[in-house]
Amino acid sequence: MMNQNLVRSRILLGLMVAFCSQALAQDPKAASVAQVRALSEKRTEAFNAGKADAVAAFFHEDCEYVDEFGTHYQGKNEVTKLLGDYFSRFPGLAIVNESESIRAVGSIVIEEGTRKTTAADGALSQVRYIAVYEKSTDGWQIASLRDVDDSPLPTPGQMLQGLEWLIGEWINEGTDGQVHIAYRWSEDKNFILGDIDVRQEGVVTSKSHQRIGWDPALGKPRSWLFDSDGGFGGGHWTQLDGRWVVHSSAVLPDGTNGSAMITLTPLSTDRFSIHGSNRLVGESAEQDFEIIVARKPPAPSK
């Protein structure tokens, strides 16, 4: 004989389902919202399957779509073509819709939320969307869809990717090996850290520590330099025709001001030049200089 508790549970479950169904039937707005929510989930499944026609079927014949760049598409035919081109150019796309609000307003239903799109190569974009649904003979369909870019801001480290080629150990190509430079990412990946040693006959005569970061106010990299003798300085980096020009200034231990234009020019993946010009120390002009540095070869394996 069936357990009496199980019988009671099934009866209660049946009553709850019947009650909910009756409540939805008595509240047409709630029913409309539930239907649109289900359609939104099915549209996501169709998109992730890469089926342009299946996605377009959720749009009204006279629909409009405005993408995050402000481009306007009118009618289901344009939307279908757009989706087909999109899936052809970017196979393997996947979206996640995070619906935050679905509400019935008069004869329409409005859905708002966030949509994240991931490409096959891992690239991610994010938009805020507002979808307006209108009921037709084919059921609820999208009459208007508008996207607004909501991608997270790039990190400072991402903004410094143009300087990633500096990472590694470098030595000058002179026979005396006077300059040794080592660059690495900081632990938080938001700064590039550099150590610069100047050596005479194998003895370190001066050391400098450099920190390169992203200056969002100027929209370009910025660096700070601290010397072992107590001097310090800084500079703003500008990329010009593949070179990096650093407009630098410094304060020497005795309080004298200095300035220079330092140009870093990649010559290959393993060599770059450092050229100093417009050098001033106090009121005195200093000679230009140029050195070529090469990537330090790895230590021989034991």
C-alpha atoms as a PDB file:
ATOM      1  CA  MET A   1       0.000   0.000   0.000  1.00  0.00           C
ATOM      2  CA  MET A   2       1.296   3.461  -0.918  1.00  0.00           C
ATOM      3  CA  ASN A   3       2.664   5.462   1.975  1.00  0.00           C
ATOM      4  CA  GLN A   4      -0.032   7.816   3.271  1.00  0.00           C
ATOM      5  CA  ASN A   5       2.441  10.725   3.649  1.00  0.00           C
ATOM      6  CA  LEU A   6       3.418  10.348  -0.005  1.00  0.00           C
ATOM      7  CA  VAL A   7      -0.252  10.414  -1.020  1.00  0.00           C
ATOM      8  CA  ARG A   8      -0.834  13.577   0.992  1.00  0.00           C
ATOM      9  CA  SER A   9       2.258  15.224  -0.571  1.00  0.00           C
ATOM     10  CA  ARG A  10       1.055  14.482  -4.089  1.00  0.00           C
ATOM     11  CA  ILE A  11      -2.405  15.823  -3.321  1.00  0.00           C
ATOM     12  CA  LEU A  12      -0.924  19.031  -1.877  1.00  0.00           C
ATOM     13  CA  LEU A  13       1.390  19.424  -4.889  1.00  0.00           C
ATOM     14  CA  GLY A  14      -1.541  18.980  -7.254  1.00  0.00           C
ATOM     15  CA  LEU A  15      -3.547  21.582  -5.353  1.00  0.00           C
ATOM     16  CA  MET A  16      -0.635  24.042  -5.464  1.00  0.00           C
ATOM     17  CA  VAL A  17      -0.194  23.619  -9.230  1.00  0.00           C
ATOM     18  CA  ALA A  18      -3.913  24.048  -9.761  1.00  0.00           C
ATOM     19  CA  PHE A  19      -3.942  27.141  -7.537  1.00  0.00           C
ATOM     20  CA  CYS A  20      -0.982  28.727  -9.366  1.00  0.00           C
ATOM     21  CA  SER A  21      -2.527  28.001 -12.741  1.00  0.00           C
ATOM     22  CA  GLN A  22      -5.807  29.531 -11.604  1.00  0.00           C
ATOM     23  CA  ALA A  23      -3.965  32.589 -10.223  1.00  0.00           C
ATOM     24  CA  LEU A  24      -2.159  33.132 -13.545  1.00  0.00           C
ATOM     25  CA  ALA A  25      -5.415  32.762 -15.417  1.00  0.00           C
ATOM     26  CA  GLN A  26      -7.004  35.399 -13.176  1.00  0.00           C
ATOM     27  CA  ASP A  27      -4.011  37.752 -13.612  1.00  0.00           C
ATOM     28  CA  PRO A  28      -3.356  38.229 -17.353  1.00  0.00           C
ATOM     29  CA  LYS A  29      -0.346  40.481 -16.653  1.00  0.00           C
ATOM     30  CA  ALA A  30       1.354  37.767 -14.608  1.00  0.00           C
ATOM     31  CA  ALA A  31       0.610  35.242 -17.341  1.00  0.00           C
ATOM     32  CA  SER A  32       2.113  37.562 -19.974  1.00  0.00           C
ATOM     33  CA  VAL A  33       5.249  38.055 -17.901  1.00  0.00           C
ATOM     34  CA  ALA A  34       5.637  34.301 -17.432  1.00  0.00           C
ATOM     35  CA  GLN A  35       5.244  33.705 -21.169  1.00  0.00           C
ATOM     36  CA  VAL A  36       7.824  36.366 -22.059  1.00  0.00           C
ATOM     37  CA  ARG A  37      10.262  34.986 -19.497  1.00  0.00           C
ATOM     38  CA  ALA A  38       9.999  31.553 -21.095  1.00  0.00           C
ATOM     39  CA  LEU A  39      10.471  33.069 -24.584  1.00  0.00           C
ATOM     40  CA  SER A  40      13.569  34.934 -23.427  1.00  0.00           C
ATOM     41  CA  GLU A  41      15.139  31.677 -22.257  1.00  0.00           C
ATOM     42  CA  LYS A  42      14.264  29.905 -25.520  1.00  0.00           C
ATOM     43  CA  ARG A  43      15.726  32.795 -27.542  1.00  0.00           C
ATOM     44  CA  THR A  44      19.003  32.435 -25.645  1.00  0.00           C
ATOM     45  CA  GLU A  45      19.072  28.708 -26.458  1.00  0.00           C
ATOM     46  CA  ALA A  46      18.464  29.429 -30.163  1.00  0.00           C
ATOM     47  CA  PHE A  47      21.239  32.039 -30.213  1.00  0.00           C
ATOM     48  CA  ASN A  48      23.753  29.728 -28.554  1.00  0.00           C
ATOM     49  CA  ALA A  49      22.874  27.083 -31.162  1.00  0.00           C
ATOM     50  CA  GLY A  50      23.820  29.603 -33.880  1.00  0.00           C
ATOM     51  CA  LYS A  51      20.407  29.426 -35.593  1.00  0.00           C
ATOM     52  CA  ALA A  52      19.707  32.813 -37.184  1.00  0.00           C
ATOM     53  CA  ASP A  53      16.197  31.943 -38.403  1.00  0.00           C
ATOM     54  CA  ALA A  54      15.238  30.480 -35.035  1.00  0.00           C
ATOM     55  CA  VAL A  55      16.360  33.644 -33.234  1.00  0.00           C
ATOM     56  CA  ALA A  56      14.680  35.914 -35.777  1.00  0.00           C
ATOM     57  CA  ALA A  57      11.391  34.043 -35.235  1.00  0.00           C
ATOM     58  CA  PHE A  58      11.126  35.768 -31.850  1.00  0.00           C
ATOM     59  CA  PHE A  59      10.975  39.189 -33.571  1.00  0.00           C
ATOM     60  CA  HIS A  60       7.875  40.962 -34.886  1.00  0.00           C
ATOM     61  CA  GLU A  61       7.684  41.533 -38.657  1.00  0.00           C
ATOM     62  CA  ASP A  62       7.870  45.320 -38.117  1.00  0.00           C
ATOM     63  CA  CYS A  63      10.451  45.160 -35.336  1.00  0.00           C
ATOM     64  CA  GLU A  64      13.391  47.475 -34.789  1.00  0.00           C
ATOM     65  CA  TYR A  65      16.828  46.754 -33.363  1.00  0.00           C
ATOM     66  CA  VAL A  66      19.383  49.372 -32.279  1.00  0.00           C
ATOM     67  CA  ASP A  67      22.819  47.960 -31.445  1.00  0.00           C
ATOM     68  CA  GLU A  68      25.339  49.327 -28.929  1.00  0.00           C
ATOM     69  CA  PHE A  69      26.931  51.476 -31.662  1.00  0.00           C
ATOM     70  CA  GLY A  70      23.637  53.202 -32.456  1.00  0.00           C
ATOM     71  CA  THR A  71      23.096  51.373 -35.763  1.00  0.00           C
ATOM     72  CA  HIS A  72      19.382  50.989 -36.529  1.00  0.00           C
ATOM     73  CA  TYR A  73      17.893  47.878 -38.174  1.00  0.00           C
ATOM     74  CA  GLN A  74      14.258  47.895 -39.266  1.00  0.00           C
ATOM     75  CA  GLY A  75      12.080  44.822 -39.803  1.00  0.00           C
ATOM     76  CA  LYS A  76      12.537  41.086 -39.310  1.00  0.00           C
ATOM     77  CA  ASN A  77      14.308  40.680 -42.688  1.00  0.00           C
ATOM     78  CA  GLU A  78      17.139  43.038 -41.677  1.00  0.00           C
ATOM     79  CA  VAL A  79      17.430  41.395 -38.282  1.00  0.00           C
ATOM     80  CA  THR A  80      17.575  37.928 -39.858  1.00  0.00           C
ATOM     81  CA  LYS A  81      20.309  39.013 -42.279  1.00  0.00           C
ATOM     82  CA  LEU A  82      22.249  40.643 -39.451  1.00  0.00           C
ATOM     83  CA  LEU A  83      22.088  37.481 -37.365  1.00  0.00           C
ATOM     84  CA  GLY A  84      23.168  35.305 -40.303  1.00  0.00           C
ATOM     85  CA  ASP A  85      26.172  37.532 -41.021  1.00  0.00           C
ATOM     86  CA  TYR A  86      27.005  37.633 -37.325  1.00  0.00           C
ATOM     87  CA  PHE A  87      27.033  33.861 -36.901  1.00  0.00           C
ATOM     88  CA  SER A  88      29.083  33.432 -40.108  1.00  0.00           C
ATOM     89  CA  ARG A  89      31.747  35.922 -39.035  1.00  0.00           C
ATOM     90  CA  PHE A  90      31.900  34.833 -35.395  1.00  0.00           C
ATOM     91  CA  PRO A  91      31.187  31.116 -35.068  1.00  0.00           C
ATOM     92  CA  GLY A  92      30.980  29.725 -31.579  1.00  0.00           C
ATOM     93  CA  LEU A  93      29.308  32.746 -29.989  1.00  0.00           C
ATOM     94  CA  ALA A  94      27.507  32.198 -26.707  1.00  0.00           C
ATOM     95  CA  ILE A  95      25.357  34.590 -24.701  1.00  0.00           C
ATOM     96  CA  VAL A  96      24.105  34.732 -21.144  1.00  0.00           C
ATOM     97  CA  ASN A  97      21.044  36.890 -20.561  1.00  0.00           C
ATOM     98  CA  GLU A  98      20.654  38.147 -17.017  1.00  0.00           C
ATOM     99  CA  SER A  99      17.056  39.336 -17.040  1.00  0.00           C
ATOM    100  CA  GLU A 100      16.581  41.819 -14.211  1.00  0.00           C
ATOM    101  CA  SER A 101      13.046  43.058 -14.837  1.00  0.00           C
ATOM    102  CA  ILE A 102      10.071  41.809 -16.856  1.00  0.00           C
ATOM    103  CA  ARG A 103       6.890  43.793 -16.416  1.00  0.00           C
ATOM    104  CA  ALA A 104       3.603  44.243 -18.230  1.00  0.00           C
ATOM    105  CA  VAL A 105       2.716  47.842 -19.094  1.00  0.00           C
ATOM    106  CA  GLY A 106      -0.617  48.272 -20.814  1.00  0.00           C
ATOM    107  CA  SER A 107      -0.646  46.034 -23.880  1.00  0.00           C
ATOM    108  CA  ILE A 108       3.130  45.462 -23.970  1.00  0.00           C
ATOM    109  CA  VAL A 109       5.737  43.672 -21.867  1.00  0.00           C
ATOM    110  CA  ILE A 110       9.138  45.254 -21.185  1.00  0.00           C
ATOM    111  CA  GLU A 111      12.231  43.227 -20.344  1.00  0.00           C
ATOM    112  CA  GLU A 112      15.460  44.823 -19.070  1.00  0.00           C
ATOM    113  CA  GLY A 113      18.729  43.166 -18.237  1.00  0.00           C
ATOM    114  CA  THR A 114      22.358  42.496 -19.086  1.00  0.00           C
ATOM    115  CA  ARG A 115      23.624  40.314 -21.921  1.00  0.00           C
ATOM    116  CA  LYS A 116      27.153  38.920 -21.952  1.00  0.00           C
ATOM    117  CA  THR A 117      28.507  37.575 -25.242  1.00  0.00           C
ATOM    118  CA  THR A 118      31.551  35.313 -25.317  1.00  0.00           C
ATOM    119  CA  ALA A 119      33.421  34.605 -28.563  1.00  0.00           C
ATOM    120  CA  ALA A 120      35.240  31.381 -29.416  1.00  0.00           C
ATOM    121  CA  ASP A 121      38.591  33.077 -28.650  1.00  0.00           C
ATOM    122  CA  GLY A 122      37.389  34.029 -25.173  1.00  0.00           C
ATOM    123  CA  ALA A 123      36.718  37.717 -25.950  1.00  0.00           C
ATOM    124  CA  LEU A 124      33.853  39.096 -23.881  1.00  0.00           C
ATOM    125  CA  SER A 125      31.416  41.945 -24.491  1.00  0.00           C
ATOM    126  CA  GLN A 126      28.597  43.135 -22.288  1.00  0.00           C
ATOM    127  CA  VAL A 127      25.528  45.250 -23.025  1.00  0.00           C
ATOM    128  CA  ARG A 128      22.486  46.512 -21.211  1.00  0.00           C
ATOM    129  CA  TYR A 129      19.328  45.744 -23.169  1.00  0.00           C
ATOM    130  CA  ILE A 130      15.691  46.807 -23.221  1.00  0.00           C
ATOM    131  CA  ALA A 131      13.287  44.534 -25.119  1.00  0.00           C
ATOM    132  CA  VAL A 132       9.683  45.547 -25.779  1.00  0.00           C
ATOM    133  CA  TYR A 133       7.305  42.665 -26.551  1.00  0.00           C
ATOM    134  CA  GLU A 134       4.034  42.998 -28.418  1.00  0.00           C
ATOM    135  CA  LYS A 135       1.430  40.273 -28.749  1.00  0.00           C
ATOM    136  CA  SER A 136       0.552  39.221 -32.291  1.00  0.00           C
ATOM    137  CA  THR A 137      -1.237  36.273 -33.857  1.00  0.00           C
ATOM    138  CA  ASP A 138       2.027  34.354 -33.364  1.00  0.00           C
ATOM    139  CA  GLY A 139       2.154  35.138 -29.657  1.00  0.00           C
ATOM    140  CA  TRP A 140       4.513  37.505 -27.866  1.00  0.00           C
ATOM    141  CA  GLN A 141       7.257  38.859 -30.141  1.00  0.00           C
ATOM    142  CA  ILE A 142       9.963  41.505 -29.835  1.00  0.00           C
ATOM    143  CA  ALA A 143       8.806  44.807 -31.309  1.00  0.00           C
ATOM    144  CA  SER A 144      11.863  46.782 -30.211  1.00  0.00           C
ATOM    145  CA  LEU A 145      15.295  45.788 -28.890  1.00  0.00           C
ATOM    146  CA  ARG A 146      17.929  48.326 -27.877  1.00  0.00           C
ATOM    147  CA  ASP A 147      21.457  47.582 -26.667  1.00  0.00           C
ATOM    148  CA  VAL A 148      23.738  49.934 -24.740  1.00  0.00           C
ATOM    149  CA  ASP A 149      27.418  49.103 -24.270  1.00  0.00           C
ATOM    150  CA  ASP A 150      28.112  48.068 -20.702  1.00  0.00           C
ATOM    151  CA  SER A 151      31.516  46.412 -21.100  1.00  0.00           C
ATOM    152  CA  PRO A 152      33.711  46.664 -18.015  1.00  0.00           C
ATOM    153  CA  LEU A 153      36.563  49.127 -18.273  1.00  0.00           C
ATOM    154  CA  PRO A 154      39.917  47.569 -19.182  1.00  0.00           C
ATOM    155  CA  THR A 155      42.330  47.122 -16.295  1.00  0.00           C
ATOM    156  CA  PRO A 156      45.458  49.308 -16.053  1.00  0.00           C
ATOM    157  CA  GLY A 157      47.486  46.244 -16.969  1.00  0.00           C
ATOM    158  CA  GLN A 158      45.465  45.729 -20.145  1.00  0.00           C
ATOM    159  CA  MET A 159      46.127  49.345 -21.095  1.00  0.00           C
ATOM    160  CA  LEU A 160      49.873  48.668 -20.759  1.00  0.00           C
ATOM    161  CA  GLN A 161      49.903  45.757 -23.227  1.00  0.00           C
ATOM    162  CA  GLY A 162      51.665  47.965 -25.789  1.00  0.00           C
ATOM    163  CA  LEU A 163      54.726  47.898 -23.511  1.00  0.00           C
ATOM    164  CA  GLU A 164      54.707  44.184 -22.753  1.00  0.00           C
ATOM    165  CA  TRP A 165      57.638  43.705 -25.140  1.00  0.00           C
ATOM    166  CA  LEU A 166      59.827  45.269 -22.434  1.00  0.00           C
ATOM    167  CA  ILE A 167      59.320  42.311 -20.105  1.00  0.00           C
ATOM    168  CA  GLY A 168      62.561  40.374 -19.637  1.00  0.00           C
ATOM    169  CA  GLU A 169      66.245  41.005 -18.960  1.00  0.00           C
ATOM    170  CA  TRP A 170      68.352  43.236 -21.203  1.00  0.00           C
ATOM    171  CA  ILE A 171      72.042  44.141 -21.416  1.00  0.00           C
ATOM    172  CA  ASN A 172      73.795  46.731 -23.536  1.00  0.00           C
ATOM    173  CA  GLU A 173      75.705  45.476 -26.571  1.00  0.00           C
ATOM    174  CA  GLY A 174      78.973  47.168 -25.577  1.00  0.00           C
ATOM    175  CA  THR A 175      81.961  45.041 -24.628  1.00  0.00           C
ATOM    176  CA  ASP A 176      81.985  46.363 -21.066  1.00  0.00           C
ATOM    177  CA  GLY A 177      78.338  45.430 -20.316  1.00  0.00           C
ATOM    178  CA  GLN A 178      77.695  48.715 -18.519  1.00  0.00           C
ATOM    179  CA  VAL A 179      73.883  48.644 -18.379  1.00  0.00           C
ATOM    180  CA  HIS A 180      71.660  45.836 -17.139  1.00  0.00           C
ATOM    181  CA  ILE A 181      67.851  46.285 -17.332  1.00  0.00           C
ATOM    182  CA  ALA A 182      65.195  43.897 -16.026  1.00  0.00           C
ATOM    183  CA  TYR A 183      61.436  44.445 -16.461  1.00  0.00           C
ATOM    184  CA  ARG A 184      58.639  42.343 -14.948  1.00  0.00           C
ATOM    185  CA  TRP A 185      54.928  42.608 -14.225  1.00  0.00           C
ATOM    186  CA  SER A 186      53.921  43.572 -10.704  1.00  0.00           C
ATOM    187  CA  GLU A 187      52.094  40.935  -8.703  1.00  0.00           C
ATOM    188  CA  ASP A 188      48.720  42.600  -9.403  1.00  0.00           C
ATOM    189  CA  LYS A 189      49.541  42.851 -13.147  1.00  0.00           C
ATOM    190  CA  ASN A 190      48.713  46.582 -13.125  1.00  0.00           C
ATOM    191  CA  PHE A 191      52.290  47.923 -13.300  1.00  0.00           C
ATOM    192  CA  ILE A 192      55.532  47.116 -15.077  1.00  0.00           C
ATOM    193  CA  LEU A 193      58.480  47.174 -12.680  1.00  0.00           C
ATOM    194  CA  GLY A 194      62.009  47.839 -13.867  1.00  0.00           C
ATOM    195  CA  ASP A 195      65.443  47.598 -12.270  1.00  0.00           C
ATOM    196  CA  ILE A 196      68.305  49.409 -14.010  1.00  0.00           C
ATOM    197  CA  ASP A 197      71.923  48.812 -12.939  1.00  0.00           C
ATOM    198  CA  VAL A 198      74.936  50.734 -14.236  1.00  0.00           C
ATOM    199  CA  ARG A 199      78.204  48.863 -13.843  1.00  0.00           C
ATOM    200  CA  GLN A 200      81.854  49.819 -14.138  1.00  0.00           C
ATOM    201  CA  GLU A 201      84.310  46.929 -14.531  1.00  0.00           C
ATOM    202  CA  GLY A 202      81.716  44.551 -13.165  1.00  0.00           C
ATOM    203  CA  VAL A 203      80.911  46.687 -10.112  1.00  0.00           C
ATOM    204  CA  VAL A 204      77.440  48.237  -9.751  1.00  0.00           C
ATOM    205  CA  THR A 205      77.914  52.009  -9.469  1.00  0.00           C
ATOM    206  CA  SER A 206      74.255  53.042  -9.470  1.00  0.00           C
ATOM    207  CA  LYS A 207      70.870  51.416  -9.279  1.00  0.00           C
ATOM    208  CA  SER A 208      67.468  52.728 -10.271  1.00  0.00           C
ATOM    209  CA  HIS A 209      64.001  51.343  -9.762  1.00  0.00           C
ATOM    210  CA  GLN A 210      61.250  52.226 -12.234  1.00  0.00           C
ATOM    211  CA  ARG A 211      57.488  51.731 -12.056  1.00  0.00           C
ATOM    212  CA  ILE A 212      55.366  52.143 -15.206  1.00  0.00           C
ATOM    213  CA  GLY A 213      51.611  52.538 -14.817  1.00  0.00           C
ATOM    214  CA  TRP A 214      48.599  53.739 -16.755  1.00  0.00           C
ATOM    215  CA  ASP A 215      47.512  57.358 -16.243  1.00  0.00           C
ATOM    216  CA  PRO A 216      43.749  57.452 -16.988  1.00  0.00           C
ATOM    217  CA  ALA A 217      43.654  61.247 -16.751  1.00  0.00           C
ATOM    218  CA  LEU A 218      46.169  61.628 -19.594  1.00  0.00           C
ATOM    219  CA  GLY A 219      45.211  58.441 -21.421  1.00  0.00           C
ATOM    220  CA  LYS A 220      48.815  57.240 -21.681  1.00  0.00           C
ATOM    221  CA  PRO A 221      51.481  55.401 -19.637  1.00  0.00           C
ATOM    222  CA  ARG A 222      53.362  57.207 -16.924  1.00  0.00           C
ATOM    223  CA  SER A 223      56.539  56.193 -15.107  1.00  0.00           C
ATOM    224  CA  TRP A 224      58.268  56.950 -11.837  1.00  0.00           C
ATOM    225  CA  LEU A 225      62.025  56.494 -11.323  1.00  0.00           C
ATOM    226  CA  PHE A 226      63.929  56.288  -8.039  1.00  0.00           C
ATOM    227  CA  ASP A 227      67.742  56.330  -7.961  1.00  0.00           C
ATOM    228  CA  SER A 228      69.961  54.753  -5.328  1.00  0.00           C
ATOM    229  CA  ASP A 229      71.645  58.132  -4.675  1.00  0.00           C
ATOM    230  CA  GLY A 230      68.332  59.713  -3.590  1.00  0.00           C
ATOM    231  CA  GLY A 231      67.349  61.316  -6.894  1.00  0.00           C
ATOM    232  CA  PHE A 232      63.952  60.708  -8.407  1.00  0.00           C
ATOM    233  CA  GLY A 233      61.986  61.517 -11.524  1.00  0.00           C
ATOM    234  CA  GLY A 234      59.153  60.572 -13.787  1.00  0.00           C
ATOM    235  CA  GLY A 235      57.904  60.714 -17.324  1.00  0.00           C
ATOM    236  CA  HIS A 236      54.939  60.476 -19.667  1.00  0.00           C
ATOM    237  CA  TRP A 237      55.063  57.927 -22.486  1.00  0.00           C
ATOM    238  CA  THR A 238      53.762  58.557 -25.992  1.00  0.00           C
ATOM    239  CA  GLN A 239      53.759  56.030 -28.832  1.00  0.00           C
ATOM    240  CA  LEU A 240      54.847  57.453 -32.184  1.00  0.00           C
ATOM    241  CA  ASP A 241      55.344  55.301 -35.300  1.00  0.00           C
ATOM    242  CA  GLY A 242      56.268  52.213 -33.321  1.00  0.00           C
ATOM    243  CA  ARG A 243      58.598  54.105 -30.977  1.00  0.00           C
ATOM    244  CA  TRP A 244      57.972  55.175 -27.411  1.00  0.00           C
ATOM    245  CA  VAL A 245      58.933  58.745 -26.529  1.00  0.00           C
ATOM    246  CA  VAL A 246      59.287  59.499 -22.815  1.00  0.00           C
ATOM    247  CA  HIS A 247      59.159  63.136 -21.753  1.00  0.00           C
ATOM    248  CA  SER A 248      61.019  62.851 -18.465  1.00  0.00           C
ATOM    249  CA  SER A 249      62.023  65.146 -15.652  1.00  0.00           C
ATOM    250  CA  ALA A 250      64.111  64.528 -12.543  1.00  0.00           C
ATOM    251  CA  VAL A 251      65.332  66.038  -9.293  1.00  0.00           C
ATOM    252  CA  LEU A 252      68.949  65.269  -8.384  1.00  0.00           C
ATOM    253  CA  PRO A 253      70.070  64.712  -4.755  1.00  0.00           C
ATOM    254  CA  ASP A 254      71.379  68.282  -4.542  1.00  0.00           C
ATOM    255  CA  GLY A 255      68.031  69.727  -5.702  1.00  0.00           C
ATOM    256  CA  THR A 256      69.091  70.403  -9.295  1.00  0.00           C
ATOM    257  CA  ASN A 257      66.346  69.841 -11.847  1.00  0.00           C
ATOM    258  CA  GLY A 258      66.903  67.834 -15.004  1.00  0.00           C
ATOM    259  CA  SER A 259      64.873  66.928 -18.061  1.00  0.00           C
ATOM    260  CA  ALA A 260      65.275  64.860 -21.212  1.00  0.00           C
ATOM    261  CA  MET A 261      63.463  63.184 -24.042  1.00  0.00           C
ATOM    262  CA  ILE A 262      64.113  59.438 -24.034  1.00  0.00           C
ATOM    263  CA  THR A 263      63.155  57.454 -27.140  1.00  0.00           C
ATOM    264  CA  LEU A 264      62.855  53.668 -27.048  1.00  0.00           C
ATOM    265  CA  THR A 265      62.825  52.058 -30.489  1.00  0.00           C
ATOM    266  CA  PRO A 266      62.296  48.290 -30.882  1.00  0.00           C
ATOM    267  CA  LEU A 267      64.750  46.972 -33.462  1.00  0.00           C
ATOM    268  CA  SER A 268      63.622  43.347 -33.238  1.00  0.00           C
ATOM    269  CA  THR A 269      62.048  41.079 -30.673  1.00  0.00           C
ATOM    270  CA  ASP A 270      65.437  40.878 -28.918  1.00  0.00           C
ATOM    271  CA  ARG A 271      66.952  44.337 -29.399  1.00  0.00           C
ATOM    272  CA  PHE A 272      65.952  47.957 -28.859  1.00  0.00           C
ATOM    273  CA  SER A 273      67.698  51.295 -28.772  1.00  0.00           C
ATOM    274  CA  ILE A 274      67.574  53.971 -26.077  1.00  0.00           C
ATOM    275  CA  HIS A 275      68.216  57.485 -27.341  1.00  0.00           C
ATOM    276  CA  GLY A 276      68.470  60.518 -25.056  1.00  0.00           C
ATOM    277  CA  SER A 277      68.039  64.035 -26.454  1.00  0.00           C
ATOM    278  CA  ASN A 278      67.157  67.571 -25.291  1.00  0.00           C
ATOM    279  CA  ARG A 279      68.977  66.844 -22.057  1.00  0.00           C
ATOM    280  CA  LEU A 280      69.181  69.622 -19.486  1.00  0.00           C
ATOM    281  CA  VAL A 281      70.754  69.526 -16.018  1.00  0.00           C
ATOM    282  CA  GLY A 282      70.068  72.786 -14.264  1.00  0.00           C
ATOM    283  CA  GLU A 283      71.025  75.427 -16.850  1.00  0.00           C
ATOM    284  CA  SER A 284      73.484  73.196 -18.701  1.00  0.00           C
ATOM    285  CA  ALA A 285      72.771  71.224 -21.875  1.00  0.00           C
ATOM    286  CA  GLU A 286      74.083  67.680 -21.940  1.00  0.00           C
ATOM    287  CA  GLN A 287      75.141  65.638 -24.950  1.00  0.00           C
ATOM    288  CA  ASP A 288      72.753  63.230 -26.620  1.00  0.00           C
ATOM    289  CA  PHE A 289      73.416  59.539 -26.140  1.00  0.00           C
ATOM    290  CA  GLU A 290      72.297  56.277 -27.683  1.00  0.00           C
ATOM    291  CA  ILE A 291      72.801  52.707 -26.574  1.00  0.00           C
ATOM    292  CA  ILE A 292      71.605  49.415 -28.037  1.00  0.00           C
ATOM    293  CA  VAL A 293      70.405  46.758 -25.604  1.00  0.00           C
ATOM    294  CA  ALA A 294      69.789  43.093 -26.334  1.00  0.00           C
ATOM    295  CA  ARG A 295      67.724  40.501 -24.553  1.00  0.00           C
ATOM    296  CA  LYS A 296      69.859  38.543 -22.115  1.00  0.00           C
ATOM    297  CA  PRO A 297      70.191  34.924 -23.264  1.00  0.00           C
ATOM    298  CA  PRO A 298      68.931  32.250 -20.892  1.00  0.00           C
ATOM    299  CA  ALA A 299      71.421  30.673 -18.538  1.00  0.00           C
ATOM    300  CA  PRO A 300      72.882  27.401 -19.847  1.00  0.00           C
ATOM    301  CA  SER A 301      71.159  24.327 -18.511  1.00  0.00           C
ATOM    302  CA  LYS A 302      73.128  22.261 -16.025  1.00  0.00           C
END
